[in-house]
Amino acid sequence: RSYLVPLALLVYLIGISIYAYPGRMPNITWTQYGLTIGITLVCIVILY
């Protein structure tokens, strides 16, 4: 489980980050985009 859950969350994060790319969604700024991805990556690493 220590490999499977973080891997699944990482795949989900990649999918969502592609979907919510700031060029496609004008309401999202680059700062919000970067901070959200960064904080989520830190949470995934801690969970691992």
All heavy atoms as atom14 arrays in JSON, in Angstrom:
{
  "sequence": "RSYLVPLALLVYLIGISIYAYPGRMPNITWTQYGLTIGITLVCIVILY",
  "atom14_mask": [
    [1, 1, 1, 1, 1, 1, 1, 1, 1, 1, 1, 0, 0, 0],
    [1, 1, 1, 1, 1, 1, 0, 0, 0, 0, 0, 0, 0, 0],
    [1, 1, 1, 1, 1, 1, 1, 1, 1, 1, 1, 1, 0, 0],
    [1, 1, 1, 1, 1, 1, 1, 1, 0, 0, 0, 0, 0, 0],
    [1, 1, 1, 1, 1, 1, 1, 0, 0, 0, 0, 0, 0, 0],
    [1, 1, 1, 1, 1, 1, 1, 0, 0, 0, 0, 0, 0, 0],
    [1, 1, 1, 1, 1, 1, 1, 1, 0, 0, 0, 0, 0, 0],
    [1, 1, 1, 1, 1, 0, 0, 0, 0, 0, 0, 0, 0, 0],
    [1, 1, 1, 1, 1, 1, 1, 1, 0, 0, 0, 0, 0, 0],
    [1, 1, 1, 1, 1, 1, 1, 1, 0, 0, 0, 0, 0, 0],
    [1, 1, 1, 1, 1, 1, 1, 0, 0, 0, 0, 0, 0, 0],
    [1, 1, 1, 1, 1, 1, 1, 1, 1, 1, 1, 1, 0, 0],
    [1, 1, 1, 1, 1, 1, 1, 1, 0, 0, 0, 0, 0, 0],
    [1, 1, 1, 1, 1, 1, 1, 1, 0, 0, 0, 0, 0, 0],
    [1, 1, 1, 1, 0, 0, 0, 0, 0, 0, 0, 0, 0, 0],
    [1, 1, 1, 1, 1, 1, 1, 1, 0, 0, 0, 0, 0, 0],
    [1, 1, 1, 1, 1, 1, 0, 0, 0, 0, 0, 0, 0, 0],
    [1, 1, 1, 1, 1, 1, 1, 1, 0, 0, 0, 0, 0, 0],
    [1, 1, 1, 1, 1, 1, 1, 1, 1, 1, 1, 1, 0, 0],
    [1, 1, 1, 1, 1, 0, 0, 0, 0, 0, 0, 0, 0, 0],
    [1, 1, 1, 1, 1, 1, 1, 1, 1, 1, 1, 1, 0, 0],
    [1, 1, 1, 1, 1, 1, 1, 0, 0, 0, 0, 0, 0, 0],
    [1, 1, 1, 1, 0, 0, 0, 0, 0, 0, 0, 0, 0, 0],
    [1, 1, 1, 1, 1, 1, 1, 1, 1, 1, 1, 0, 0, 0],
    [1, 1, 1, 1, 1, 1, 1, 1, 0, 0, 0, 0, 0, 0],
    [1, 1, 1, 1, 1, 1, 1, 0, 0, 0, 0, 0, 0, 0],
    [1, 1, 1, 1, 1, 1, 1, 1, 0, 0, 0, 0, 0, 0],
    [1, 1, 1, 1, 1, 1, 1, 1, 0, 0, 0, 0, 0, 0],
    [1, 1, 1, 1, 1, 1, 1, 0, 0, 0, 0, 0, 0, 0],
    [1, 1, 1, 1, 1, 1, 1, 1, 1, 1, 1, 1, 1, 1],
    [1, 1, 1, 1, 1, 1, 1, 0, 0, 0, 0, 0, 0, 0],
    [1, 1, 1, 1, 1, 1, 1, 1, 1, 0, 0, 0, 0, 0],
    [1, 1, 1, 1, 1, 1, 1, 1, 1, 1, 1, 1, 0, 0],
    [1, 1, 1, 1, 0, 0, 0, 0, 0, 0, 0, 0, 0, 0],
    [1, 1, 1, 1, 1, 1, 1, 1, 0, 0, 0, 0, 0, 0],
    [1, 1, 1, 1, 1, 1, 1, 0, 0, 0, 0, 0, 0, 0],
    [1, 1, 1, 1, 1, 1, 1, 1, 0, 0, 0, 0, 0, 0],
    [1, 1, 1, 1, 0, 0, 0, 0, 0, 0, 0, 0, 0, 0],
    [1, 1, 1, 1, 1, 1, 1, 1, 0, 0, 0, 0, 0, 0],
    [1, 1, 1, 1, 1, 1, 1, 0, 0, 0, 0, 0, 0, 0],
    [1, 1, 1, 1, 1, 1, 1, 1, 0, 0, 0, 0, 0, 0],
    [1, 1, 1, 1, 1, 1, 1, 0, 0, 0, 0, 0, 0, 0],
    [1, 1, 1, 1, 1, 1, 0, 0, 0, 0, 0, 0, 0, 0],
    [1, 1, 1, 1, 1, 1, 1, 1, 0, 0, 0, 0, 0, 0],
    [1, 1, 1, 1, 1, 1, 1, 0, 0, 0, 0, 0, 0, 0],
    [1, 1, 1, 1, 1, 1, 1, 1, 0, 0, 0, 0, 0, 0],
    [1, 1, 1, 1, 1, 1, 1, 1, 0, 0, 0, 0, 0, 0],
    [1, 1, 1, 1, 1, 1, 1, 1, 1, 1, 1, 1, 0, 0]
  ],
  "atom14_positions": [
    [[0.81, -1.2, 0.0], [0.0, 0.0, 0.0], [0.86, 1.26, 0.0], [0.46, 2.29, -0.54], [-0.92, -0.01, 1.22], [-1.96, 1.07, 1.17], [-2.83, 1.1, 2.37], [-3.43, -0.21, 2.62], [-4.29, -0.46, 3.56], [-4.67, 0.5, 4.36], [-4.78, -1.66, 3.72], [0.0, 0.0, 0.0], [0.0, 0.0, 0.0], [0.0, 0.0, 0.0]],
    [[2.06, 1.18, 0.6], [2.91, 2.37, 0.66], [3.38, 2.8, -0.73], [3.8, 3.94, -0.89], [4.12, 2.1, 1.56], [4.91, 1.06, 1.04], [0.0, 0.0, 0.0], [0.0, 0.0, 0.0], [0.0, 0.0, 0.0], [0.0, 0.0, 0.0], [0.0, 0.0, 0.0], [0.0, 0.0, 0.0], [0.0, 0.0, 0.0], [0.0, 0.0, 0.0]],
    [[3.31, 1.92, -1.71], [3.64, 2.29, -3.08], [2.41, 2.58, -3.91], [2.42, 3.48, -4.75], [4.44, 1.17, -3.76], [5.76, 0.88, -3.11], [5.98, -0.32, -2.45], [6.79, 1.81, -3.14], [7.18, -0.59, -1.84], [7.99, 1.56, -2.54], [8.19, 0.35, -1.89], [9.38, 0.09, -1.29], [0.0, 0.0, 0.0], [0.0, 0.0, 0.0]],
    [[1.37, 1.81, -3.7], [0.19, 1.89, -4.55], [-0.59, 3.18, -4.36], [-0.95, 3.84, -5.35], [-0.71, 0.67, -4.28], [-1.88, 0.5, -5.22], [-1.39, 0.29, -6.64], [-2.71, -0.69, -4.79], [0.0, 0.0, 0.0], [0.0, 0.0, 0.0], [0.0, 0.0, 0.0], [0.0, 0.0, 0.0], [0.0, 0.0, 0.0], [0.0, 0.0, 0.0]],
    [[-0.85, 3.58, -3.13], [-1.67, 4.77, -2.88], [-0.97, 6.04, -3.37], [-1.58, 6.83, -4.1], [-2.05, 4.85, -1.39], [-2.74, 6.17, -1.07], [-2.95, 3.69, -1.0], [0.0, 0.0, 0.0], [0.0, 0.0, 0.0], [0.0, 0.0, 0.0], [0.0, 0.0, 0.0], [0.0, 0.0, 0.0], [0.0, 0.0, 0.0], [0.0, 0.0, 0.0]],
    [[0.3, 6.29, -3.01], [0.95, 7.5, -3.53], [1.08, 7.49, -5.06], [0.96, 8.54, -5.7], [2.33, 7.49, -2.88], [2.15, 6.72, -1.64], [1.15, 5.66, -1.99], [0.0, 0.0, 0.0], [0.0, 0.0, 0.0], [0.0, 0.0, 0.0], [0.0, 0.0, 0.0], [0.0, 0.0, 0.0], [0.0, 0.0, 0.0], [0.0, 0.0, 0.0]],
    [[1.3, 6.32, -5.65], [1.39, 6.24, -7.1], [0.06, 6.6, -7.75], [0.02, 7.35, -8.74], [1.83, 4.85, -7.53], [2.02, 4.63, -9.02], [3.14, 5.52, -9.54], [2.32, 3.18, -9.3], [0.0, 0.0, 0.0], [0.0, 0.0, 0.0], [0.0, 0.0, 0.0], [0.0, 0.0, 0.0], [0.0, 0.0, 0.0], [0.0, 0.0, 0.0]],
    [[-1.04, 6.11, -7.19], [-2.36, 6.43, -7.71], [-2.64, 7.93, -7.56], [-3.18, 8.57, -8.48], [-3.43, 5.62, -6.99], [0.0, 0.0, 0.0], [0.0, 0.0, 0.0], [0.0, 0.0, 0.0], [0.0, 0.0, 0.0], [0.0, 0.0, 0.0], [0.0, 0.0, 0.0], [0.0, 0.0, 0.0], [0.0, 0.0, 0.0], [0.0, 0.0, 0.0]],
    [[-2.26, 8.51, -6.43], [-2.46, 9.94, -6.23], [-1.59, 10.76, -7.17], [-2.02, 11.82, -7.64], [-2.18, 10.32, -4.78], [-3.2, 9.83, -3.76], [-2.72, 10.14, -2.35], [-4.55, 10.47, -4.01], [0.0, 0.0, 0.0], [0.0, 0.0, 0.0], [0.0, 0.0, 0.0], [0.0, 0.0, 0.0], [0.0, 0.0, 0.0], [0.0, 0.0, 0.0]],
    [[-0.39, 10.3, -7.46], [0.48, 11.0, -8.39], [-0.09, 10.98, -9.81], [-0.07, 12.0, -10.5], [1.88, 10.37, -8.36], [2.95, 11.09, -9.16], [3.16, 12.5, -8.63], [4.24, 10.32, -9.1], [0.0, 0.0, 0.0], [0.0, 0.0, 0.0], [0.0, 0.0, 0.0], [0.0, 0.0, 0.0], [0.0, 0.0, 0.0], [0.0, 0.0, 0.0]],
    [[-0.61, 9.85, -10.22], [-1.25, 9.76, -11.54], [-2.47, 10.69, -11.6], [-2.68, 11.4, -12.59], [-1.65, 8.3, -11.86], [-2.55, 8.22, -13.09], [-0.41, 7.45, -12.03], [0.0, 0.0, 0.0], [0.0, 0.0, 0.0], [0.0, 0.0, 0.0], [0.0, 0.0, 0.0], [0.0, 0.0, 0.0], [0.0, 0.0, 0.0], [0.0, 0.0, 0.0]],
    [[-3.24, 10.72, -10.53], [-4.4, 11.61, -10.45], [-3.95, 13.07, -10.53], [-4.56, 13.88, -11.24], [-5.16, 11.35, -9.16], [-6.34, 12.26, -8.95], [-7.52, 12.07, -9.67], [-6.29, 13.3, -8.04], [-8.61, 12.9, -9.48], [-7.37, 14.14, -7.84], [-8.53, 13.94, -8.57], [-9.59, 14.77, -8.39], [0.0, 0.0, 0.0], [0.0, 0.0, 0.0]],
    [[-2.88, 13.42, -9.81], [-2.36, 14.79, -9.83], [-1.92, 15.18, -11.24], [-2.2, 16.3, -11.69], [-1.2, 14.94, -8.85], [-0.47, 16.28, -8.89], [-1.4, 17.41, -8.47], [0.76, 16.25, -8.01], [0.0, 0.0, 0.0], [0.0, 0.0, 0.0], [0.0, 0.0, 0.0], [0.0, 0.0, 0.0], [0.0, 0.0, 0.0], [0.0, 0.0, 0.0]],
    [[-1.25, 14.28, -11.94], [-0.82, 14.58, -13.3], [-2.03, 14.83, -14.2], [-2.04, 15.79, -14.98], [0.06, 13.43, -13.84], [1.39, 13.41, -13.1], [0.28, 13.57, -15.35], [2.24, 12.19, -13.37], [0.0, 0.0, 0.0], [0.0, 0.0, 0.0], [0.0, 0.0, 0.0], [0.0, 0.0, 0.0], [0.0, 0.0, 0.0], [0.0, 0.0, 0.0]],
    [[-3.03, 14.0, -14.07], [-4.24, 14.19, -14.88], [-4.94, 15.5, -14.59], [-5.33, 16.23, -15.51], [0.0, 0.0, 0.0], [0.0, 0.0, 0.0], [0.0, 0.0, 0.0], [0.0, 0.0, 0.0], [0.0, 0.0, 0.0], [0.0, 0.0, 0.0], [0.0, 0.0, 0.0], [0.0, 0.0, 0.0], [0.0, 0.0, 0.0], [0.0, 0.0, 0.0]],
    [[-5.08, 15.82, -13.33], [-5.75, 17.08, -12.96], [-4.91, 18.28, -13.35], [-5.45, 19.31, -13.78], [-6.06, 17.08, -11.44], [-7.12, 16.04, -11.13], [-6.49, 18.45, -10.95], [-8.45, 16.27, -11.81], [0.0, 0.0, 0.0], [0.0, 0.0, 0.0], [0.0, 0.0, 0.0], [0.0, 0.0, 0.0], [0.0, 0.0, 0.0], [0.0, 0.0, 0.0]],
    [[-3.59, 18.18, -13.23], [-2.74, 19.32, -13.59], [-2.78, 19.58, -15.09], [-2.7, 20.73, -15.53], [-1.31, 19.12, -13.11], [-0.73, 18.02, -13.76], [0.0, 0.0, 0.0], [0.0, 0.0, 0.0], [0.0, 0.0, 0.0], [0.0, 0.0, 0.0], [0.0, 0.0, 0.0], [0.0, 0.0, 0.0], [0.0, 0.0, 0.0], [0.0, 0.0, 0.0]],
    [[-2.92, 18.53, -15.89], [-3.07, 18.72, -17.34], [-4.43, 19.34, -17.64], [-4.54, 20.25, -18.46], [-2.9, 17.38, -18.08], [-1.44, 16.93, -17.99], [-3.34, 17.48, -19.53], [-1.2, 15.52, -18.47], [0.0, 0.0, 0.0], [0.0, 0.0, 0.0], [0.0, 0.0, 0.0], [0.0, 0.0, 0.0], [0.0, 0.0, 0.0], [0.0, 0.0, 0.0]],
    [[-5.46, 18.87, -16.96], [-6.81, 19.39, -17.19], [-6.93, 20.85, -16.77], [-7.56, 21.66, -17.44], [-7.84, 18.54, -16.44], [-9.23, 19.09, -16.53], [-9.97, 18.95, -17.71], [-9.82, 19.75, -15.47], [-11.25, 19.46, -17.82], [-11.1, 20.26, -15.56], [-11.81, 20.11, -16.73], [-13.06, 20.63, -16.83], [0.0, 0.0, 0.0], [0.0, 0.0, 0.0]],
    [[-6.33, 21.21, -15.64], [-6.49, 22.56, -15.08], [-5.35, 23.48, -15.48], [-5.06, 24.46, -14.79], [-6.59, 22.47, -13.56], [0.0, 0.0, 0.0], [0.0, 0.0, 0.0], [0.0, 0.0, 0.0], [0.0, 0.0, 0.0], [0.0, 0.0, 0.0], [0.0, 0.0, 0.0], [0.0, 0.0, 0.0], [0.0, 0.0, 0.0], [0.0, 0.0, 0.0]],
    [[-4.68, 23.2, -16.58], [-3.57, 24.04, -17.05], [-4.06, 25.48, -17.21], [-5.13, 25.71, -17.77], [-3.07, 23.48, -18.38], [-1.81, 24.11, -18.89], [-0.6, 23.85, -18.29], [-1.85, 24.98, -19.97], [0.56, 24.42, -18.74], [-0.69, 25.56, -20.44], [0.51, 25.28, -19.82], [1.66, 25.86, -20.28], [0.0, 0.0, 0.0], [0.0, 0.0, 0.0]],
    [[-3.3, 26.45, -16.69], [-3.77, 27.85, -16.74], [-4.09, 28.38, -18.13], [-4.91, 29.28, -18.27], [-2.6, 28.63, -16.13], [-1.94, 27.66, -15.23], [-2.07, 26.33, -15.93], [0.0, 0.0, 0.0], [0.0, 0.0, 0.0], [0.0, 0.0, 0.0], [0.0, 0.0, 0.0], [0.0, 0.0, 0.0], [0.0, 0.0, 0.0], [0.0, 0.0, 0.0]],
    [[-3.5, 27.84, -19.16], [-3.83, 28.28, -20.52], [-5.23, 27.88, -20.93], [-5.87, 28.54, -21.75], [0.0, 0.0, 0.0], [0.0, 0.0, 0.0], [0.0, 0.0, 0.0], [0.0, 0.0, 0.0], [0.0, 0.0, 0.0], [0.0, 0.0, 0.0], [0.0, 0.0, 0.0], [0.0, 0.0, 0.0], [0.0, 0.0, 0.0], [0.0, 0.0, 0.0]],
    [[-5.72, 26.79, -20.36], [-7.06, 26.3, -20.69], [-8.12, 26.91, -19.81], [-9.27, 27.04, -20.22], [-7.12, 24.78, -20.53], [-6.28, 24.05, -21.55], [-6.45, 22.57, -21.43], [-7.85, 22.24, -21.7], [-8.44, 21.14, -21.27], [-7.77, 20.28, -20.57], [-9.7, 20.9, -21.54], [0.0, 0.0, 0.0], [0.0, 0.0, 0.0], [0.0, 0.0, 0.0]],
    [[-7.76, 27.25, -18.58], [-8.73, 27.8, -17.63], [-8.27, 29.2, -17.23], [-7.34, 29.35, -16.44], [-8.85, 26.9, -16.41], [-9.26, 25.49, -16.75], [-9.59, 24.52, -15.3], [-11.35, 24.49, -15.37], [0.0, 0.0, 0.0], [0.0, 0.0, 0.0], [0.0, 0.0, 0.0], [0.0, 0.0, 0.0], [0.0, 0.0, 0.0], [0.0, 0.0, 0.0]],
    [[-8.91, 30.24, -17.73], [-8.44, 31.61, -17.49], [-8.59, 32.09, -16.04], [-7.97, 33.06, -15.65], [-9.3, 32.45, -18.43], [-10.49, 31.62, -18.73], [-10.06, 30.19, -18.61], [0.0, 0.0, 0.0], [0.0, 0.0, 0.0], [0.0, 0.0, 0.0], [0.0, 0.0, 0.0], [0.0, 0.0, 0.0], [0.0, 0.0, 0.0], [0.0, 0.0, 0.0]],
    [[-9.37, 31.4, -15.22], [-9.57, 31.84, -13.84], [-8.41, 31.44, -12.93], [-8.32, 31.9, -11.8], [-10.86, 31.25, -13.27], [-12.08, 31.8, -13.99], [-12.02, 32.86, -14.6], [-13.16, 31.06, -13.95], [0.0, 0.0, 0.0], [0.0, 0.0, 0.0], [0.0, 0.0, 0.0], [0.0, 0.0, 0.0], [0.0, 0.0, 0.0], [0.0, 0.0, 0.0]],
    [[-7.52, 30.58, -13.4], [-6.41, 30.08, -12.58], [-5.14, 30.82, -12.95], [-4.77, 30.88, -14.13], [-6.23, 28.56, -12.78], [-7.47, 27.82, -12.35], [-5.02, 28.06, -12.02], [-7.45, 26.33, -12.62], [0.0, 0.0, 0.0], [0.0, 0.0, 0.0], [0.0, 0.0, 0.0], [0.0, 0.0, 0.0], [0.0, 0.0, 0.0], [0.0, 0.0, 0.0]],
    [[-4.44, 31.36, -11.95], [-3.17, 32.02, -12.2], [-2.03, 31.01, -12.09], [-2.2, 29.92, -11.53], [-2.93, 33.17, -11.2], [-2.81, 32.62, -9.89], [-4.07, 34.17, -11.24], [0.0, 0.0, 0.0], [0.0, 0.0, 0.0], [0.0, 0.0, 0.0], [0.0, 0.0, 0.0], [0.0, 0.0, 0.0], [0.0, 0.0, 0.0], [0.0, 0.0, 0.0]],
    [[-0.87, 31.39, -12.6], [0.29, 30.5, -12.54], [0.71, 30.26, -11.1], [1.19, 29.18, -10.76], [1.45, 31.09, -13.34], [1.26, 30.9, -14.81], [0.83, 31.82, -15.71], [1.47, 29.7, -15.55], [0.76, 31.27, -16.97], [1.16, 29.96, -16.89], [1.89, 28.42, -15.21], [1.26, 29.01, -17.9], [2.0, 27.46, -16.21], [1.68, 27.77, -17.53]],
    [[0.54, 31.26, -10.24], [0.9, 31.1, -8.83], [0.01, 30.05, -8.16], [0.5, 29.18, -7.45], [0.78, 32.44, -8.09], [1.56, 33.42, -8.79], [1.24, 32.33, -6.67], [0.0, 0.0, 0.0], [0.0, 0.0, 0.0], [0.0, 0.0, 0.0], [0.0, 0.0, 0.0], [0.0, 0.0, 0.0], [0.0, 0.0, 0.0], [0.0, 0.0, 0.0]],
    [[-1.28, 30.15, -8.37], [-2.21, 29.17, -7.81], [-1.91, 27.78, -8.34], [-1.91, 26.8, -7.58], [-3.65, 29.52, -8.17], [-4.2, 30.74, -7.5], [-5.57, 31.11, -8.05], [-5.87, 30.85, -9.22], [-6.38, 31.73, -7.22], [0.0, 0.0, 0.0], [0.0, 0.0, 0.0], [0.0, 0.0, 0.0], [0.0, 0.0, 0.0], [0.0, 0.0, 0.0]],
    [[-1.62, 27.69, -9.61], [-1.34, 26.4, -10.26], [-0.08, 25.77, -9.66], [-0.09, 24.62, -9.25], [-1.17, 26.66, -11.76], [-0.92, 25.43, -12.59], [-1.94, 24.54, -12.85], [0.33, 25.2, -13.16], [-1.72, 23.42, -13.64], [0.56, 24.09, -13.95], [-0.47, 23.2, -14.2], [-0.26, 22.11, -14.98], [0.0, 0.0, 0.0], [0.0, 0.0, 0.0]],
    [[0.99, 26.55, -9.57], [2.24, 26.04, -9.03], [2.15, 25.67, -7.57], [2.66, 24.63, -7.14], [0.0, 0.0, 0.0], [0.0, 0.0, 0.0], [0.0, 0.0, 0.0], [0.0, 0.0, 0.0], [0.0, 0.0, 0.0], [0.0, 0.0, 0.0], [0.0, 0.0, 0.0], [0.0, 0.0, 0.0], [0.0, 0.0, 0.0], [0.0, 0.0, 0.0]],
    [[1.51, 26.52, -6.77], [1.37, 26.24, -5.35], [0.52, 25.0, -5.1], [0.85, 24.17, -4.24], [0.77, 27.44, -4.61], [1.72, 28.58, -4.3], [0.96, 29.76, -3.72], [2.81, 28.13, -3.36], [0.0, 0.0, 0.0], [0.0, 0.0, 0.0], [0.0, 0.0, 0.0], [0.0, 0.0, 0.0], [0.0, 0.0, 0.0], [0.0, 0.0, 0.0]],
    [[-0.54, 24.86, -5.85], [-1.4, 23.7, -5.68], [-0.66, 22.41, -6.0], [-0.72, 21.43, -5.25], [-2.65, 23.82, -6.56], [-3.34, 25.03, -6.22], [-3.58, 22.64, -6.39], [0.0, 0.0, 0.0], [0.0, 0.0, 0.0], [0.0, 0.0, 0.0], [0.0, 0.0, 0.0], [0.0, 0.0, 0.0], [0.0, 0.0, 0.0], [0.0, 0.0, 0.0]],
    [[0.06, 22.4, -7.12], [0.82, 21.2, -7.49], [1.92, 20.93, -6.48], [2.14, 19.79, -6.06], [1.38, 21.35, -8.92], [0.24, 21.3, -9.91], [2.4, 20.25, -9.22], [0.63, 21.55, -11.34], [0.0, 0.0, 0.0], [0.0, 0.0, 0.0], [0.0, 0.0, 0.0], [0.0, 0.0, 0.0], [0.0, 0.0, 0.0], [0.0, 0.0, 0.0]],
    [[2.63, 21.98, -6.05], [3.72, 21.8, -5.09], [3.25, 21.26, -3.75], [3.83, 20.33, -3.2], [0.0, 0.0, 0.0], [0.0, 0.0, 0.0], [0.0, 0.0, 0.0], [0.0, 0.0, 0.0], [0.0, 0.0, 0.0], [0.0, 0.0, 0.0], [0.0, 0.0, 0.0], [0.0, 0.0, 0.0], [0.0, 0.0, 0.0], [0.0, 0.0, 0.0]],
    [[2.18, 21.84, -3.22], [1.65, 21.4, -1.93], [1.14, 19.97, -2.03], [1.34, 19.15, -1.12], [0.56, 22.37, -1.44], [1.19, 23.71, -1.06], [-0.22, 21.79, -0.27], [0.19, 24.81, -0.8], [0.0, 0.0, 0.0], [0.0, 0.0, 0.0], [0.0, 0.0, 0.0], [0.0, 0.0, 0.0], [0.0, 0.0, 0.0], [0.0, 0.0, 0.0]],
    [[0.49, 19.65, -3.13], [-0.02, 18.29, -3.32], [1.13, 17.28, -3.41], [1.05, 16.19, -2.83], [-0.9, 18.21, -4.58], [-1.92, 19.21, -4.48], [-1.53, 16.85, -4.72], [0.0, 0.0, 0.0], [0.0, 0.0, 0.0], [0.0, 0.0, 0.0], [0.0, 0.0, 0.0], [0.0, 0.0, 0.0], [0.0, 0.0, 0.0], [0.0, 0.0, 0.0]],
    [[2.21, 17.64, -4.1], [3.37, 16.76, -4.18], [3.99, 16.53, -2.81], [4.38, 15.4, -2.47], [4.41, 17.32, -5.14], [4.15, 17.11, -6.62], [5.18, 17.85, -7.45], [4.17, 15.64, -6.96], [0.0, 0.0, 0.0], [0.0, 0.0, 0.0], [0.0, 0.0, 0.0], [0.0, 0.0, 0.0], [0.0, 0.0, 0.0], [0.0, 0.0, 0.0]],
    [[4.09, 17.58, -2.01], [4.62, 17.44, -0.66], [3.74, 16.5, 0.16], [4.25, 15.62, 0.88], [4.76, 18.81, 0.02], [5.04, 18.69, 1.5], [5.85, 19.64, -0.66], [0.0, 0.0, 0.0], [0.0, 0.0, 0.0], [0.0, 0.0, 0.0], [0.0, 0.0, 0.0], [0.0, 0.0, 0.0], [0.0, 0.0, 0.0], [0.0, 0.0, 0.0]],
    [[2.44, 16.64, 0.04], [1.52, 15.76, 0.77], [1.66, 14.31, 0.32], [1.62, 13.39, 1.15], [0.08, 16.22, 0.58], [-0.31, 17.77, 1.4], [0.0, 0.0, 0.0], [0.0, 0.0, 0.0], [0.0, 0.0, 0.0], [0.0, 0.0, 0.0], [0.0, 0.0, 0.0], [0.0, 0.0, 0.0], [0.0, 0.0, 0.0], [0.0, 0.0, 0.0]],
    [[1.85, 14.08, -0.97], [2.02, 12.72, -1.48], [3.31, 12.11, -0.95], [3.34, 10.94, -0.55], [1.97, 12.7, -3.02], [0.55, 13.01, -3.5], [2.43, 11.36, -3.57], [0.42, 13.22, -5.0], [0.0, 0.0, 0.0], [0.0, 0.0, 0.0], [0.0, 0.0, 0.0], [0.0, 0.0, 0.0], [0.0, 0.0, 0.0], [0.0, 0.0, 0.0]],
    [[4.38, 12.89, -0.91], [5.66, 12.39, -0.4], [5.55, 12.07, 1.09], [6.02, 11.02, 1.55], [6.79, 13.41, -0.67], [8.06, 13.05, 0.08], [7.06, 13.49, -2.16], [0.0, 0.0, 0.0], [0.0, 0.0, 0.0], [0.0, 0.0, 0.0], [0.0, 0.0, 0.0], [0.0, 0.0, 0.0], [0.0, 0.0, 0.0], [0.0, 0.0, 0.0]],
    [[4.92, 12.94, 1.86], [4.73, 12.69, 3.29], [3.89, 11.42, 3.49], [4.21, 10.58, 4.35], [4.08, 13.91, 3.98], [5.09, 15.06, 4.02], [3.6, 13.56, 5.37], [4.48, 16.37, 4.47], [0.0, 0.0, 0.0], [0.0, 0.0, 0.0], [0.0, 0.0, 0.0], [0.0, 0.0, 0.0], [0.0, 0.0, 0.0], [0.0, 0.0, 0.0]],
    [[2.84, 11.28, 2.72], [2.0, 10.08, 2.81], [2.79, 8.83, 2.5], [2.64, 7.81, 3.19], [0.81, 10.19, 1.86], [-0.12, 8.99, 1.79], [-0.83, 8.8, 3.13], [-1.11, 9.14, 0.67], [0.0, 0.0, 0.0], [0.0, 0.0, 0.0], [0.0, 0.0, 0.0], [0.0, 0.0, 0.0], [0.0, 0.0, 0.0], [0.0, 0.0, 0.0]],
    [[3.65, 8.89, 1.5], [4.48, 7.74, 1.15], [5.34, 7.31, 2.34], [5.4, 6.14, 2.69], [5.36, 8.07, -0.05], [6.46, 7.06, -0.28], [6.18, 5.81, -0.8], [7.77, 7.36, 0.05], [7.18, 4.87, -0.99], [8.77, 6.43, -0.13], [8.48, 5.19, -0.65], [9.47, 4.27, -0.83], [0.0, 0.0, 0.0], [0.0, 0.0, 0.0]]
  ]
}
